Structures are given as C-alpha cells and as structure tokens.
Amino acid sequence: MSRVALKSAREIEIMRRAGGLVAETFRLLEPHVKPGVTLKELDRMAEEHIRKAGAVPAYIGYGPRNNPFPATLCMSVNEVICHGIPSDRELKEGDIVGVDIGVLLDGYYGDACYTYKVGQVTPEVDALVETTRQCLQAGLETVRPGSRTGDIGHAIQTLAESRGFSVVREYTGHGIGKRLHDEPTIYHWGARYTGLKLQPGMVFTIEPMINLGQPDTRLLDDGWTVITADKKPSAQFEHTLVVTSRGYDILTL
C-alpha cells in the first residue's frame, strides 16, 4: 500500500491558489533581479507580497528549533546549490541566483524554484541554466498514472549527463500538502520502472539541482547553505504538480 495521501479536488484547488501566489511572487521579483540589488531587498519584497495576500512564508522558522531558517526566500547564488540565506550581498553581472519560494495559504503549501540569470552570463552557465529548465520538463513529461518515480529521475539524469552536467543526489523533490515535506521522495536520478507507482491525486514537487562540475556537495557552517564541493555553479528549477487521470497538472503556474 502507498503511504502517500491522495488529495481531493477541494484540496487541489486550495493548493492551486497557494501555487498561484508563488507564481505571482516570482512575477513581482523578476524585474528587480538585476545587478546591484541585494538578496535581502528581494526577500523583503517577497515577504510583504505573501503576507499582503493573507498567506505565510513557508520557510521562516522552518527546521530545527536551535537553528530555524531565518528568511522568506532561499536564495542560492552561483556555487550555492540550495538553502542559501538572503544577505546584504549585491547581485552582479554574470551571476545566477536560484530563488525558492514557499507559501502556506489556507492550511496548504505551494513551493517552486526558478534560476535567474543576472545580466549576461557565460555560454557554459547559460547552457547549465537552460539544461536544468529542460530537466524539470523532462521529469514532468514522464508523470502519468502507472509510471514510477524512478522514471522521473531517469529522465532528468539522462538529459543532464548527456550534456556533461551532473545531478545532485542528496536533495530531492517531495510530497507536499498540509506538510511542506511529505511522502513521496522524488529522486532526480535513477532507473526506469523502479520506485513508487504514480496515482491520480498524488501531489509532489520535482526540483532538479544540476551542477556544472561534479555532483558532490558541502554544507556550510550556518547549517543551511549547501554549495558545490568544487565551487562550480549550480542551477535549480522546481514546480509543484498533481498527477491527473491523463498526466499531470502544474499547480505553481
């Protein structure tokens, strides 16, 4: 038996509203992601917008009691893979920044990530960002009733590695609903025809983290920020989706 709770039509509509607020927040931030803006400025804009909409930022206070996450956004610049903490750092021409947004609205979570290019980036970094976007799409396109979680990971890994990039192993997609992180775990690497069989009503994230260099990671002393061990750039894209009778429906558009 699957341990994954299937969502009702009512729950999915609430999650679509939560996901819609996430998407709206990305649209608000996008014109401000440019050289000279600080990570804290972007974080403040996002928090104000989310709270004004009657929702709560999902990440503030998340995690262990002795070291909760301190901000609205996870902001991951260049070699930061995920969970970067917004600071007074200014973005500069040629940076990339992964912006991860989570909200809690009417008891349900929405969660997505987008990697922005700050001005002109190098061709190899441009290829990394575009490939990561395509990896998310490749994973999405495997989703239908009867397919398996391993099919998602296989599609992502095959595309990334065919272009000379690597897939982060330690951080995964996840089920989501009344809890931010729930079953199932969605690996971004793996073998076809393995893992949990998908059913209509399952809601989860796919969020590949793709590295320009090796897949190895390192956790910094703040207990949150994860970087590439070789200090080469990393990119991430993420959507929350529901499995439908015909395939999938993205809830964070």
C-alpha atoms as a PDB file:
ATOM      1  CA  MET A   1       0.000   0.000   0.000  1.00  0.00           C
ATOM      2  CA  SER A   2       1.159   3.526  -0.792  1.00  0.00           C
ATOM      3  CA  ARG A   3       1.836   5.755   2.210  1.00  0.00           C
ATOM      4  CA  VAL A   4       1.081   8.761   0.016  1.00  0.00           C
ATOM      5  CA  ALA A   5      -2.172  10.549   0.822  1.00  0.00           C
ATOM      6  CA  LEU A   6      -4.178  11.335  -2.329  1.00  0.00           C
ATOM      7  CA  LYS A   7      -5.576  14.855  -2.470  1.00  0.00           C
ATOM      8  CA  SER A   8      -9.260  15.601  -3.024  1.00  0.00           C
ATOM      9  CA  ALA A   9     -10.495  18.025  -5.690  1.00  0.00           C
ATOM     10  CA  ARG A  10     -11.085  20.604  -2.933  1.00  0.00           C
ATOM     11  CA  GLU A  11      -7.547  20.232  -1.588  1.00  0.00           C
ATOM     12  CA  ILE A  12      -6.071  20.518  -5.070  1.00  0.00           C
ATOM     13  CA  GLU A  13      -7.936  23.790  -5.674  1.00  0.00           C
ATOM     14  CA  ILE A  14      -6.599  25.250  -2.414  1.00  0.00           C
ATOM     15  CA  MET A  15      -3.099  24.143  -3.411  1.00  0.00           C
ATOM     16  CA  ARG A  16      -3.609  25.727  -6.827  1.00  0.00           C
ATOM     17  CA  ARG A  17      -4.303  29.046  -5.068  1.00  0.00           C
ATOM     18  CA  ALA A  18      -1.182  28.618  -2.936  1.00  0.00           C
ATOM     19  CA  GLY A  19       0.822  27.760  -6.045  1.00  0.00           C
ATOM     20  CA  GLY A  20      -0.664  30.716  -7.877  1.00  0.00           C
ATOM     21  CA  LEU A  21       0.600  33.028  -5.140  1.00  0.00           C
ATOM     22  CA  VAL A  22       4.075  31.508  -5.506  1.00  0.00           C
ATOM     23  CA  ALA A  23       3.980  32.201  -9.265  1.00  0.00           C
ATOM     24  CA  GLU A  24       2.701  35.737  -8.662  1.00  0.00           C
ATOM     25  CA  THR A  25       5.618  36.366  -6.289  1.00  0.00           C
ATOM     26  CA  PHE A  26       8.095  35.302  -8.967  1.00  0.00           C
ATOM     27  CA  ARG A  27       6.482  37.751 -11.394  1.00  0.00           C
ATOM     28  CA  LEU A  28       6.806  40.515  -8.792  1.00  0.00           C
ATOM     29  CA  LEU A  29      10.501  39.799  -8.211  1.00  0.00           C
ATOM     30  CA  GLU A  30      11.642  39.203 -11.794  1.00  0.00           C
ATOM     31  CA  PRO A  31      12.128  42.851 -12.899  1.00  0.00           C
ATOM     32  CA  HIS A  32      14.164  43.524  -9.740  1.00  0.00           C
ATOM     33  CA  VAL A  33      16.644  40.666 -10.240  1.00  0.00           C
ATOM     34  CA  LYS A  34      19.441  42.736 -11.743  1.00  0.00           C
ATOM     35  CA  PRO A  35      22.944  43.939 -10.858  1.00  0.00           C
ATOM     36  CA  GLY A  36      23.067  45.999  -7.651  1.00  0.00           C
ATOM     37  CA  VAL A  37      20.020  44.591  -5.869  1.00  0.00           C
ATOM     38  CA  THR A  38      20.696  42.868  -2.544  1.00  0.00           C
ATOM     39  CA  LEU A  39      19.349  39.470  -1.622  1.00  0.00           C
ATOM     40  CA  LYS A  40      17.697  40.974   1.470  1.00  0.00           C
ATOM     41  CA  GLU A  41      15.843  43.545  -0.667  1.00  0.00           C
ATOM     42  CA  LEU A  42      14.328  40.765  -2.781  1.00  0.00           C
ATOM     43  CA  ASP A  43      13.482  38.797   0.352  1.00  0.00           C
ATOM     44  CA  ARG A  44      11.679  41.796   1.875  1.00  0.00           C
ATOM     45  CA  MET A  45       9.618  42.342  -1.308  1.00  0.00           C
ATOM     46  CA  ALA A  46       8.573  38.691  -1.346  1.00  0.00           C
ATOM     47  CA  GLU A  47       7.599  38.615   2.327  1.00  0.00           C
ATOM     48  CA  GLU A  48       5.482  41.762   2.040  1.00  0.00           C
ATOM     49  CA  HIS A  49       3.672  40.418  -1.013  1.00  0.00           C
ATOM     50  CA  ILE A  50       2.974  36.996   0.511  1.00  0.00           C
ATOM     51  CA  ARG A  51       1.676  38.416   3.797  1.00  0.00           C
ATOM     52  CA  LYS A  52      -0.468  41.007   1.993  1.00  0.00           C
ATOM     53  CA  ALA A  53      -2.142  38.108   0.163  1.00  0.00           C
ATOM     54  CA  GLY A  54      -3.142  36.555   3.500  1.00  0.00           C
ATOM     55  CA  ALA A  55      -0.531  33.803   3.386  1.00  0.00           C
ATOM     56  CA  VAL A  56       2.526  32.948   5.473  1.00  0.00           C
ATOM     57  CA  PRO A  57       6.061  32.486   4.097  1.00  0.00           C
ATOM     58  CA  ALA A  58       6.701  28.762   4.442  1.00  0.00           C
ATOM     59  CA  TYR A  59      10.414  28.860   5.199  1.00  0.00           C
ATOM     60  CA  ILE A  60      10.658  31.416   8.019  1.00  0.00           C
ATOM     61  CA  GLY A  61      11.147  29.417  11.193  1.00  0.00           C
ATOM     62  CA  TYR A  62      11.306  26.094   9.331  1.00  0.00           C
ATOM     63  CA  GLY A  63      13.732  23.489  10.597  1.00  0.00           C
ATOM     64  CA  PRO A  64      15.297  22.667  13.959  1.00  0.00           C
ATOM     65  CA  ARG A  65      14.390  24.834  16.954  1.00  0.00           C
ATOM     66  CA  ASN A  66      18.003  25.715  17.603  1.00  0.00           C
ATOM     67  CA  ASN A  67      18.614  26.848  14.000  1.00  0.00           C
ATOM     68  CA  PRO A  68      15.386  27.743  12.158  1.00  0.00           C
ATOM     69  CA  PHE A  69      15.600  29.179   8.655  1.00  0.00           C
ATOM     70  CA  PRO A  70      15.598  32.982   9.042  1.00  0.00           C
ATOM     71  CA  ALA A  71      14.101  34.270   5.788  1.00  0.00           C
ATOM     72  CA  THR A  72      11.212  34.126   3.310  1.00  0.00           C
ATOM     73  CA  LEU A  73      13.294  33.058   0.307  1.00  0.00           C
ATOM     74  CA  CYS A  74      16.021  30.517  -0.192  1.00  0.00           C
ATOM     75  CA  MET A  75      18.459  32.408  -2.453  1.00  0.00           C
ATOM     76  CA  SER A  76      21.271  30.400  -3.982  1.00  0.00           C
ATOM     77  CA  VAL A  77      23.917  32.352  -5.924  1.00  0.00           C
ATOM     78  CA  ASN A  78      26.371  30.688  -8.323  1.00  0.00           C
ATOM     79  CA  GLU A  79      28.022  27.751  -6.463  1.00  0.00           C
ATOM     80  CA  VAL A  80      25.222  27.629  -3.865  1.00  0.00           C
ATOM     81  CA  ILE A  81      23.018  24.643  -4.702  1.00  0.00           C
ATOM     82  CA  CYS A  82      20.121  25.283  -2.315  1.00  0.00           C
ATOM     83  CA  HIS A  83      19.002  26.794   1.002  1.00  0.00           C
ATOM     84  CA  GLY A  84      21.089  29.948   0.673  1.00  0.00           C
ATOM     85  CA  ILE A  85      20.210  32.587   3.285  1.00  0.00           C
ATOM     86  CA  PRO A  86      19.448  36.105   1.952  1.00  0.00           C
ATOM     87  CA  SER A  87      22.129  38.621   2.983  1.00  0.00           C
ATOM     88  CA  ASP A  88      23.338  42.097   2.083  1.00  0.00           C
ATOM     89  CA  ARG A  89      25.210  40.598  -0.877  1.00  0.00           C
ATOM     90  CA  GLU A  90      24.563  42.523  -4.103  1.00  0.00           C
ATOM     91  CA  LEU A  91      23.933  40.596  -7.287  1.00  0.00           C
ATOM     92  CA  LYS A  92      26.370  41.354 -10.067  1.00  0.00           C
ATOM     93  CA  GLU A  93      26.508  40.937 -13.839  1.00  0.00           C
ATOM     94  CA  GLY A  94      27.074  37.295 -14.756  1.00  0.00           C
ATOM     95  CA  ASP A  95      25.656  35.793 -11.543  1.00  0.00           C
ATOM     96  CA  ILE A  96      22.907  33.223 -11.461  1.00  0.00           C
ATOM     97  CA  VAL A  97      20.539  33.047  -8.497  1.00  0.00           C
ATOM     98  CA  GLY A  98      18.118  30.279  -7.619  1.00  0.00           C
ATOM     99  CA  VAL A  99      15.076  31.743  -5.875  1.00  0.00           C
ATOM    100  CA  ASP A 100      12.996  29.184  -3.960  1.00  0.00           C
ATOM    101  CA  ILE A 101       9.577  30.365  -2.745  1.00  0.00           C
ATOM    102  CA  GLY A 102       7.215  28.535  -0.401  1.00  0.00           C
ATOM    103  CA  VAL A 103       3.898  29.768   0.980  1.00  0.00           C
ATOM    104  CA  LEU A 104       1.271  28.451   3.380  1.00  0.00           C
ATOM    105  CA  LEU A 105      -2.244  29.522   2.352  1.00  0.00           C
ATOM    106  CA  ASP A 106      -5.460  28.241   3.953  1.00  0.00           C
ATOM    107  CA  GLY A 107      -3.590  25.322   5.506  1.00  0.00           C
ATOM    108  CA  TYR A 108      -1.795  24.079   2.376  1.00  0.00           C
ATOM    109  CA  TYR A 109       1.640  24.690   0.908  1.00  0.00           C
ATOM    110  CA  GLY A 110       2.864  25.798  -2.511  1.00  0.00           C
ATOM    111  CA  ASP A 111       6.545  25.501  -3.448  1.00  0.00           C
ATOM    112  CA  ALA A 112       8.613  26.342  -6.552  1.00  0.00           C
ATOM    113  CA  CYS A 113      12.083  27.483  -7.596  1.00  0.00           C
ATOM    114  CA  TYR A 114      13.397  29.489 -10.557  1.00  0.00           C
ATOM    115  CA  THR A 115      17.003  30.259 -11.501  1.00  0.00           C
ATOM    116  CA  TYR A 116      17.509  33.775 -12.805  1.00  0.00           C
ATOM    117  CA  LYS A 117      20.405  34.943 -14.944  1.00  0.00           C
ATOM    118  CA  VAL A 118      21.682  38.355 -13.807  1.00  0.00           C
ATOM    119  CA  GLY A 119      22.525  40.249 -16.986  1.00  0.00           C
ATOM    120  CA  GLN A 120      24.817  38.414 -19.412  1.00  0.00           C
ATOM    121  CA  VAL A 121      26.228  35.088 -18.234  1.00  0.00           C
ATOM    122  CA  THR A 122      28.930  32.931 -19.803  1.00  0.00           C
ATOM    123  CA  PRO A 123      27.875  30.442 -22.510  1.00  0.00           C
ATOM    124  CA  GLU A 124      28.583  27.455 -20.252  1.00  0.00           C
ATOM    125  CA  VAL A 125      26.482  28.901 -17.419  1.00  0.00           C
ATOM    126  CA  ASP A 126      23.722  29.755 -19.887  1.00  0.00           C
ATOM    127  CA  ALA A 127      23.772  26.115 -21.061  1.00  0.00           C
ATOM    128  CA  LEU A 128      23.611  24.930 -17.437  1.00  0.00           C
ATOM    129  CA  VAL A 129      20.536  27.048 -16.666  1.00  0.00           C
ATOM    130  CA  GLU A 130      18.747  26.071 -19.871  1.00  0.00           C
ATOM    131  CA  THR A 131      19.539  22.373 -19.392  1.00  0.00           C
ATOM    132  CA  THR A 132      18.233  22.488 -15.807  1.00  0.00           C
ATOM    133  CA  ARG A 133      14.978  24.026 -17.036  1.00  0.00           C
ATOM    134  CA  GLN A 134      14.718  21.263 -19.629  1.00  0.00           C
ATOM    135  CA  CYS A 135      15.496  18.624 -16.990  1.00  0.00           C
ATOM    136  CA  LEU A 136      12.464  19.737 -14.993  1.00  0.00           C
ATOM    137  CA  GLN A 137      10.341  19.485 -18.132  1.00  0.00           C
ATOM    138  CA  ALA A 138      11.765  16.042 -18.972  1.00  0.00           C
ATOM    139  CA  GLY A 139      10.845  14.838 -15.488  1.00  0.00           C
ATOM    140  CA  LEU A 140       7.354  16.297 -15.750  1.00  0.00           C
ATOM    141  CA  GLU A 141       6.708  14.588 -19.061  1.00  0.00           C
ATOM    142  CA  THR A 142       7.138  11.129 -17.502  1.00  0.00           C
ATOM    143  CA  VAL A 143       4.339  11.774 -14.984  1.00  0.00           C
ATOM    144  CA  ARG A 144       1.131   9.821 -15.578  1.00  0.00           C
ATOM    145  CA  PRO A 145      -0.847   7.152 -13.697  1.00  0.00           C
ATOM    146  CA  GLY A 146       1.112   3.910 -13.665  1.00  0.00           C
ATOM    147  CA  SER A 147       4.523   5.426 -14.289  1.00  0.00           C
ATOM    148  CA  ARG A 148       7.023   5.331 -11.451  1.00  0.00           C
ATOM    149  CA  THR A 149       9.122   7.795  -9.513  1.00  0.00           C
ATOM    150  CA  GLY A 150      12.262   6.199 -10.967  1.00  0.00           C
ATOM    151  CA  ASP A 151      11.095   7.232 -14.449  1.00  0.00           C
ATOM    152  CA  ILE A 152      11.262  10.884 -13.340  1.00  0.00           C
ATOM    153  CA  GLY A 153      14.802  10.575 -12.039  1.00  0.00           C
ATOM    154  CA  HIS A 154      15.982   8.593 -15.066  1.00  0.00           C
ATOM    155  CA  ALA A 155      14.716  11.234 -17.498  1.00  0.00           C
ATOM    156  CA  ILE A 156      16.428  14.035 -15.580  1.00  0.00           C
ATOM    157  CA  GLN A 157      19.722  12.195 -15.103  1.00  0.00           C
ATOM    158  CA  THR A 158      19.882  11.058 -18.726  1.00  0.00           C
ATOM    159  CA  LEU A 159      19.422  14.578 -20.098  1.00  0.00           C
ATOM    160  CA  ALA A 160      21.805  16.287 -17.647  1.00  0.00           C
ATOM    161  CA  GLU A 161      24.604  13.778 -18.052  1.00  0.00           C
ATOM    162  CA  SER A 162      24.244  13.654 -21.854  1.00  0.00           C
ATOM    163  CA  ARG A 163      25.298  17.322 -21.832  1.00  0.00           C
ATOM    164  CA  GLY A 164      28.208  16.884 -19.440  1.00  0.00           C
ATOM    165  CA  PHE A 165      26.467  18.150 -16.296  1.00  0.00           C
ATOM    166  CA  SER A 166      25.898  16.293 -13.025  1.00  0.00           C
ATOM    167  CA  VAL A 167      22.869  15.718 -10.790  1.00  0.00           C
ATOM    168  CA  VAL A 168      22.874  16.467  -7.052  1.00  0.00           C
ATOM    169  CA  ARG A 169      21.952  13.288  -5.164  1.00  0.00           C
ATOM    170  CA  GLU A 170      21.379  14.426  -1.568  1.00  0.00           C
ATOM    171  CA  TYR A 171      18.463  16.838  -2.123  1.00  0.00           C
ATOM    172  CA  THR A 172      15.199  15.705  -3.645  1.00  0.00           C
ATOM    173  CA  GLY A 173      11.673  16.550  -4.628  1.00  0.00           C
ATOM    174  CA  HIS A 174       8.959  15.697  -2.121  1.00  0.00           C
ATOM    175  CA  GLY A 175       5.303  15.232  -1.431  1.00  0.00           C
ATOM    176  CA  ILE A 176       3.527  18.374  -0.293  1.00  0.00           C
ATOM    177  CA  GLY A 177       0.125  19.348   1.107  1.00  0.00           C
ATOM    178  CA  LYS A 178      -0.655  20.187   4.716  1.00  0.00           C
ATOM    179  CA  ARG A 179       3.015  19.490   5.329  1.00  0.00           C
ATOM    180  CA  LEU A 180       5.804  21.183   3.378  1.00  0.00           C
ATOM    181  CA  HIS A 181       7.791  17.950   3.073  1.00  0.00           C
ATOM    182  CA  ASP A 182       5.905  14.664   2.883  1.00  0.00           C
ATOM    183  CA  GLU A 183       5.889  11.369   1.006  1.00  0.00           C
ATOM    184  CA  PRO A 184       6.863  10.525  -1.705  1.00  0.00           C
ATOM    185  CA  THR A 185      10.559  11.321  -2.113  1.00  0.00           C
ATOM    186  CA  ILE A 186      11.335  12.246  -5.723  1.00  0.00           C
ATOM    187  CA  TYR A 187      14.923  11.468  -6.703  1.00  0.00           C
ATOM    188  CA  HIS A 188      16.368  13.309  -9.682  1.00  0.00           C
ATOM    189  CA  TRP A 189      18.387  10.293 -10.765  1.00  0.00           C
ATOM    190  CA  GLY A 190      17.574   6.617 -11.032  1.00  0.00           C
ATOM    191  CA  ALA A 191      16.349   3.761 -13.173  1.00  0.00           C
ATOM    192  CA  ARG A 192      13.181   3.454 -15.214  1.00  0.00           C
ATOM    193  CA  TYR A 193      10.385   1.164 -13.971  1.00  0.00           C
ATOM    194  CA  THR A 194      11.553   1.489 -10.338  1.00  0.00           C
ATOM    195  CA  GLY A 195      10.132   3.298  -7.335  1.00  0.00           C
ATOM    196  CA  LEU A 196       6.610   4.167  -6.325  1.00  0.00           C
ATOM    197  CA  LYS A 197       3.811   3.802  -8.871  1.00  0.00           C
ATOM    198  CA  LEU A 198       2.031   7.114  -9.500  1.00  0.00           C
ATOM    199  CA  GLN A 199      -1.715   7.541  -8.949  1.00  0.00           C
ATOM    200  CA  PRO A 200      -4.137  10.396  -9.675  1.00  0.00           C
ATOM    201  CA  GLY A 201      -4.327  12.750  -6.695  1.00  0.00           C
ATOM    202  CA  MET A 202      -0.671  12.486  -5.709  1.00  0.00           C
ATOM    203  CA  VAL A 203       0.861  15.953  -5.252  1.00  0.00           C
ATOM    204  CA  PHE A 204       4.624  16.456  -5.142  1.00  0.00           C
ATOM    205  CA  THR A 205       7.490  18.624  -6.330  1.00  0.00           C
ATOM    206  CA  ILE A 206      10.116  17.922  -8.964  1.00  0.00           C
ATOM    207  CA  GLU A 207      13.138  20.175  -8.409  1.00  0.00           C
ATOM    208  CA  PRO A 208      16.347  19.060 -10.130  1.00  0.00           C
ATOM    209  CA  MET A 209      19.600  20.627  -8.946  1.00  0.00           C
ATOM    210  CA  ILE A 210      22.148  20.369 -11.755  1.00  0.00           C
ATOM    211  CA  ASN A 211      25.857  21.183 -11.404  1.00  0.00           C
ATOM    212  CA  LEU A 212      28.325  22.480 -13.953  1.00  0.00           C
ATOM    213  CA  GLY A 213      31.043  20.334 -12.358  1.00  0.00           C
ATOM    214  CA  GLN A 214      30.876  17.303 -10.074  1.00  0.00           C
ATOM    215  CA  PRO A 215      27.745  16.289  -8.083  1.00  0.00           C
ATOM    216  CA  ASP A 216      29.475  16.468  -4.687  1.00  0.00           C
ATOM    217  CA  THR A 217      28.064  18.904  -2.123  1.00  0.00           C
ATOM    218  CA  ARG A 218      29.207  20.641   1.060  1.00  0.00           C
ATOM    219  CA  LEU A 219      27.101  22.087   3.889  1.00  0.00           C
ATOM    220  CA  LEU A 220      28.383  25.405   5.269  1.00  0.00           C
ATOM    221  CA  ASP A 221      28.734  26.221   8.967  1.00  0.00           C
ATOM    222  CA  ASP A 222      25.387  28.078   9.071  1.00  0.00           C
ATOM    223  CA  GLY A 223      23.727  24.660   8.900  1.00  0.00           C
ATOM    224  CA  TRP A 224      21.655  25.592   5.833  1.00  0.00           C
ATOM    225  CA  THR A 225      23.691  26.749   2.830  1.00  0.00           C
ATOM    226  CA  VAL A 226      24.673  23.893   0.504  1.00  0.00           C
ATOM    227  CA  ILE A 227      27.403  24.534  -2.077  1.00  0.00           C
ATOM    228  CA  THR A 228      29.124  22.526  -4.784  1.00  0.00           C
ATOM    229  CA  ALA A 229      32.290  20.926  -3.403  1.00  0.00           C
ATOM    230  CA  ASP A 230      34.243  22.110  -6.466  1.00  0.00           C
ATOM    231  CA  LYS A 231      32.780  25.658  -6.234  1.00  0.00           C
ATOM    232  CA  LYS A 232      31.369  25.471  -9.769  1.00  0.00           C
ATOM    233  CA  PRO A 233      27.857  26.877 -10.462  1.00  0.00           C
ATOM    234  CA  SER A 234      24.623  25.010  -9.845  1.00  0.00           C
ATOM    235  CA  ALA A 235      21.079  25.699 -11.084  1.00  0.00           C
ATOM    236  CA  GLN A 236      17.622  24.589  -9.965  1.00  0.00           C
ATOM    237  CA  PHE A 237      14.043  24.714 -11.231  1.00  0.00           C
ATOM    238  CA  GLU A 238      11.001  23.396  -9.371  1.00  0.00           C
ATOM    239  CA  HIS A 239       7.249  23.050  -9.733  1.00  0.00           C
ATOM    240  CA  THR A 240       4.524  21.573  -7.536  1.00  0.00           C
ATOM    241  CA  LEU A 241       2.247  19.257  -9.554  1.00  0.00           C
ATOM    242  CA  VAL A 242      -0.657  16.874  -9.183  1.00  0.00           C
ATOM    243  CA  VAL A 243      -0.945  13.550 -11.001  1.00  0.00           C
ATOM    244  CA  THR A 244      -4.164  13.519 -13.060  1.00  0.00           C
ATOM    245  CA  SER A 245      -6.008  10.774 -14.922  1.00  0.00           C
ATOM    246  CA  ARG A 246      -4.265  11.852 -18.134  1.00  0.00           C
ATOM    247  CA  GLY A 247      -0.881  13.008 -16.904  1.00  0.00           C
ATOM    248  CA  TYR A 248      -0.053  15.949 -14.670  1.00  0.00           C
ATOM    249  CA  ASP A 249      -1.187  19.467 -13.840  1.00  0.00           C
ATOM    250  CA  ILE A 250       1.269  22.085 -12.572  1.00  0.00           C
ATOM    251  CA  LEU A 251      -0.065  23.926  -9.511  1.00  0.00           C
ATOM    252  CA  THR A 252       2.624  26.644  -9.397  1.00  0.00           C
ATOM    253  CA  LEU A 253       1.929  28.348 -12.724  1.00  0.00           C
END
